[in-house]
N, C-alpha and C. Protein backbone atom coordinates (compact mmCIF):
# COMPACT_ATOMS: atom_id res chain seq x y z
N MET A 1 1.03 -1.44 -0.37
CA MET A 1 0.02 0.00 -0.25
C MET A 1 1.09 1.29 0.20
N PRO A 2 0.49 2.90 -0.97
CA PRO A 2 1.07 3.30 -1.08
C PRO A 2 1.27 4.14 0.03
N LYS A 3 2.34 4.80 0.98
CA LYS A 3 2.57 6.31 1.70
C LYS A 3 1.29 6.71 1.52
N SER A 4 0.70 8.05 2.40
CA SER A 4 0.39 9.13 2.33
C SER A 4 1.50 10.21 2.07
N ARG A 5 1.20 11.47 0.86
CA ARG A 5 2.04 11.60 1.67
C ARG A 5 1.96 13.19 2.66
N ILE A 6 2.96 13.40 3.54
CA ILE A 6 3.18 14.04 4.72
C ILE A 6 3.25 15.69 4.27
N ARG A 7 1.70 16.17 4.84
CA ARG A 7 1.55 18.19 4.45
C ARG A 7 2.86 18.38 5.95
N ARG A 8 3.75 19.24 6.12
CA ARG A 8 3.53 20.23 6.46
C ARG A 8 3.86 21.51 6.08
N LYS A 9 3.80 21.84 7.71
CA LYS A 9 3.04 23.47 7.58
C LYS A 9 4.05 24.55 8.48
N ALA A 10 4.47 25.16 8.00
CA ALA A 10 4.56 26.41 8.85
C ALA A 10 5.40 26.60 9.72
N ASN A 11 6.11 26.74 10.53
CA ASN A 11 5.87 26.78 12.24
C ASN A 11 4.79 28.20 12.41
N TYR A 12 4.56 28.27 14.15
CA TYR A 12 3.16 28.88 14.52
C TYR A 12 4.00 30.36 14.75
N THR A 13 4.09 30.95 14.21
CA THR A 13 4.83 32.08 14.91
C THR A 13 3.75 33.21 15.21
N PRO A 14 3.57 34.11 16.17
CA PRO A 14 2.80 34.15 17.49
C PRO A 14 2.67 35.65 16.84
N PRO A 15 2.07 36.80 16.33
CA PRO A 15 1.57 37.99 16.37
C PRO A 15 2.10 38.72 17.52
N THR A 16 3.12 40.16 17.01
CA THR A 16 3.88 40.75 17.67
C THR A 16 2.57 41.65 17.79
N LYS A 17 2.81 42.07 19.11
CA LYS A 17 1.75 43.05 19.74
C LYS A 17 2.45 44.87 19.43
N ALA A 18 2.20 45.61 19.00
CA ALA A 18 2.84 47.55 19.25
C ALA A 18 2.63 47.86 20.33
N VAL A 19 3.36 47.75 21.42
CA VAL A 19 3.55 48.39 22.08
C VAL A 19 4.24 49.40 22.18
N PRO A 20 2.96 51.19 22.62
CA PRO A 20 3.11 52.06 22.60
C PRO A 20 4.76 52.41 22.89
N LEU A 21 5.74 53.62 23.21
CA LEU A 21 6.87 53.58 23.88
C LEU A 21 6.37 53.64 25.43
N SER A 22 5.54 54.96 25.23
CA SER A 22 4.74 55.52 26.84
C SER A 22 4.90 54.15 27.32
N GLN A 23 4.33 53.65 27.26
CA GLN A 23 3.88 52.05 28.54
C GLN A 23 5.13 51.54 28.32
N ARG A 24 5.89 51.36 27.53
CA ARG A 24 7.41 51.03 28.51
C ARG A 24 8.46 51.29 28.91
N VAL A 25 8.20 52.43 28.79
CA VAL A 25 9.35 53.61 29.57
C VAL A 25 8.72 54.06 30.73
N SER A 26 9.43 53.81 31.39
CA SER A 26 8.57 54.69 33.21
C SER A 26 8.96 56.11 32.86
N GLY A 27 8.24 57.18 33.51
CA GLY A 27 8.51 57.96 33.62
C GLY A 27 10.40 58.08 34.77
N ARG A 28 10.78 59.66 34.90
CA ARG A 28 12.02 60.08 34.53
C ARG A 28 11.64 60.06 36.23
N TRP A 29 10.84 59.77 36.89
CA TRP A 29 10.58 60.36 38.55
C TRP A 29 9.95 59.40 39.70
N VAL A 30 10.00 58.25 38.28
CA VAL A 30 9.88 56.64 39.85
C VAL A 30 10.86 55.56 40.27
N ALA A 31 12.06 56.08 39.81
CA ALA A 31 14.05 55.76 39.84
C ALA A 31 14.05 56.52 41.90
N PRO A 32 14.81 58.08 40.96
CA PRO A 32 14.60 58.66 42.07
C PRO A 32 13.81 58.80 43.42
N LEU A 33 12.43 57.92 42.90
CA LEU A 33 10.90 59.09 44.23
C LEU A 33 11.50 57.19 45.04
N MET A 34 11.40 56.55 44.18
CA MET A 34 11.06 55.07 44.98
C MET A 34 12.92 54.69 46.04
N VAL A 35 14.11 55.63 45.71
CA VAL A 35 14.92 55.13 46.19
C VAL A 35 15.57 56.42 47.36
N THR A 36 14.53 57.44 46.46
CA THR A 36 14.20 57.65 48.26
C THR A 36 13.20 57.41 49.14
N PHE A 37 12.22 56.70 48.33
CA PHE A 37 11.34 56.52 50.06
C PHE A 37 11.74 55.36 51.12
N PHE A 38 12.77 54.16 50.47
CA PHE A 38 13.82 53.51 50.78
C PHE A 38 14.90 54.38 51.07
N LEU A 39 14.51 55.28 51.58
CA LEU A 39 16.25 55.45 52.12
C LEU A 39 15.93 56.54 54.00
N ILE A 40 14.83 57.46 53.77
CA ILE A 40 13.50 58.20 53.94
C ILE A 40 13.28 56.77 55.68
N GLY A 41 13.43 55.61 54.38
CA GLY A 41 12.20 54.64 55.90
C GLY A 41 12.91 54.11 56.45
N LEU A 42 14.45 53.83 55.53
CA LEU A 42 15.63 53.00 56.66
C LEU A 42 16.30 54.01 57.23
N ALA A 43 16.40 55.61 56.69
CA ALA A 43 16.92 56.71 58.00
C ALA A 43 16.09 57.28 59.32
N TRP A 44 14.91 56.55 58.81
CA TRP A 44 13.13 56.65 60.09
C TRP A 44 13.38 55.88 60.37
N ILE A 45 14.02 54.00 60.42
CA ILE A 45 13.40 53.63 61.80
C ILE A 45 15.49 53.45 62.38
N VAL A 46 16.75 53.52 61.30
CA VAL A 46 17.62 53.78 62.41
C VAL A 46 17.68 54.99 63.32
N THR A 47 17.39 56.21 62.59
CA THR A 47 17.09 56.81 63.95
C THR A 47 16.31 56.60 65.41
N PHE A 48 15.48 55.71 65.11
CA PHE A 48 14.76 55.81 65.76
C PHE A 48 14.75 54.37 67.36
N TYR A 49 16.35 53.43 66.39
CA TYR A 49 16.27 52.17 68.06
C TYR A 49 17.93 53.36 68.47
N ILE A 50 18.69 54.37 67.51
CA ILE A 50 20.04 55.07 67.97
C ILE A 50 19.96 55.81 69.06
N ALA A 51 18.63 56.82 68.60
CA ALA A 51 18.08 57.34 69.55
C ALA A 51 16.99 57.62 70.45
N GLY A 52 15.98 56.89 69.78
CA GLY A 52 15.60 56.53 71.24
C GLY A 52 14.49 58.37 71.14
N THR A 53 14.04 58.57 72.20
CA THR A 53 13.38 59.88 71.70
C THR A 53 13.43 61.26 72.89
N VAL A 54 15.07 61.54 71.85
CA VAL A 54 15.97 62.40 72.52
C VAL A 54 15.40 63.34 70.91
N ILE A 55 15.01 63.09 69.96
CA ILE A 55 15.15 64.15 68.87
C ILE A 55 13.17 64.38 69.08
N PRO A 56 13.37 65.97 68.95
CA PRO A 56 11.56 65.84 69.29
C PRO A 56 11.32 65.16 67.66
N GLY A 57 10.14 65.14 68.36
CA GLY A 57 9.34 64.40 66.71
C GLY A 57 9.52 62.79 67.06
N THR A 58 10.44 61.93 67.36
CA THR A 58 10.31 60.71 66.86
C THR A 58 10.01 60.16 68.47
N ASP A 59 8.75 60.76 69.20
CA ASP A 59 8.51 60.86 70.68
C ASP A 59 6.72 59.77 70.24
N LEU A 60 6.47 59.05 69.24
CA LEU A 60 5.80 58.03 69.11
C LEU A 60 5.77 56.48 69.45
N GLY A 61 6.35 56.39 69.96
CA GLY A 61 6.66 54.90 70.90
C GLY A 61 7.24 54.26 69.51
N ASN A 62 6.72 52.41 69.14
CA ASN A 62 6.62 52.05 68.02
C ASN A 62 5.76 52.32 67.15
N TRP A 63 4.27 53.53 67.15
CA TRP A 63 4.25 53.90 65.79
C TRP A 63 5.93 54.52 64.21
N ASN A 64 6.26 55.11 65.36
CA ASN A 64 8.24 54.99 64.47
C ASN A 64 7.97 53.94 63.70
N ILE A 65 7.76 52.23 63.91
CA ILE A 65 8.55 51.34 63.62
C ILE A 65 7.45 50.50 61.94
N VAL A 66 6.71 51.71 62.73
CA VAL A 66 5.05 51.59 61.53
C VAL A 66 4.98 52.82 60.20
N ILE A 67 5.77 53.98 60.72
CA ILE A 67 5.53 54.54 59.25
C ILE A 67 7.38 54.58 58.90
N GLY A 68 8.22 53.92 59.41
CA GLY A 68 9.12 53.17 58.63
C GLY A 68 9.01 52.36 57.35
N PHE A 69 8.18 51.14 57.74
CA PHE A 69 7.53 50.14 56.94
C PHE A 69 6.83 50.64 56.30
N ALA A 70 5.91 51.60 56.30
CA ALA A 70 5.31 52.49 55.77
C ALA A 70 5.95 53.17 54.63
N LEU A 71 7.16 53.58 54.49
CA LEU A 71 7.59 54.25 53.59
C LEU A 71 8.51 53.76 53.36
N LEU A 72 8.63 52.49 53.90
CA LEU A 72 9.58 51.17 52.48
C LEU A 72 8.61 50.26 51.99
N GLY A 73 7.37 50.41 52.43
CA GLY A 73 6.85 49.84 52.23
C GLY A 73 6.07 51.00 50.06
N ALA A 74 5.98 51.62 50.60
CA ALA A 74 5.77 53.28 49.50
C ALA A 74 6.75 52.66 48.07
N GLY A 75 8.26 52.17 49.53
CA GLY A 75 9.17 52.48 48.15
C GLY A 75 8.86 50.77 46.85
N PHE A 76 9.23 50.27 47.76
CA PHE A 76 8.15 48.83 47.30
C PHE A 76 6.74 48.87 46.36
N VAL A 77 6.19 50.11 46.50
CA VAL A 77 4.79 49.88 45.38
C VAL A 77 5.51 50.89 44.03
N THR A 78 6.96 51.84 44.36
CA THR A 78 7.35 52.79 43.25
C THR A 78 7.93 51.74 42.95
N ALA A 79 8.65 50.86 43.09
CA ALA A 79 8.84 49.80 42.78
C ALA A 79 8.77 49.76 41.39
N THR A 80 7.28 48.59 41.63
CA THR A 80 6.86 47.87 40.49
C THR A 80 6.45 49.04 40.03
N ARG A 81 6.88 50.11 39.93
CA ARG A 81 6.20 50.94 38.16
C ARG A 81 7.03 51.10 36.79
N TRP A 82 8.69 50.87 37.73
CA TRP A 82 9.52 50.98 37.51
C TRP A 82 10.49 49.65 36.65
N LYS A 83 10.11 49.91 34.47
CA LYS A 83 10.67 49.69 34.21
C LYS A 83 12.04 49.90 33.32
């Protein structure tokens, strides 16, 4: 019995999406803001641990930890916008 011919299919190439340049590049403000949040949050926590309540404005007790971690969290949220 003769063998049938094998049909050759072209390799699949997925369609390309044209992404506008404005969506691929983050704003120039994202990286400096992210680094600023990280540094201020870290400095806030370190200052609270080293100085305690000696510095005026840091007499918030353990809320200083919450403020420092909130600033660090804002840095991580801002980092998700960085491309």
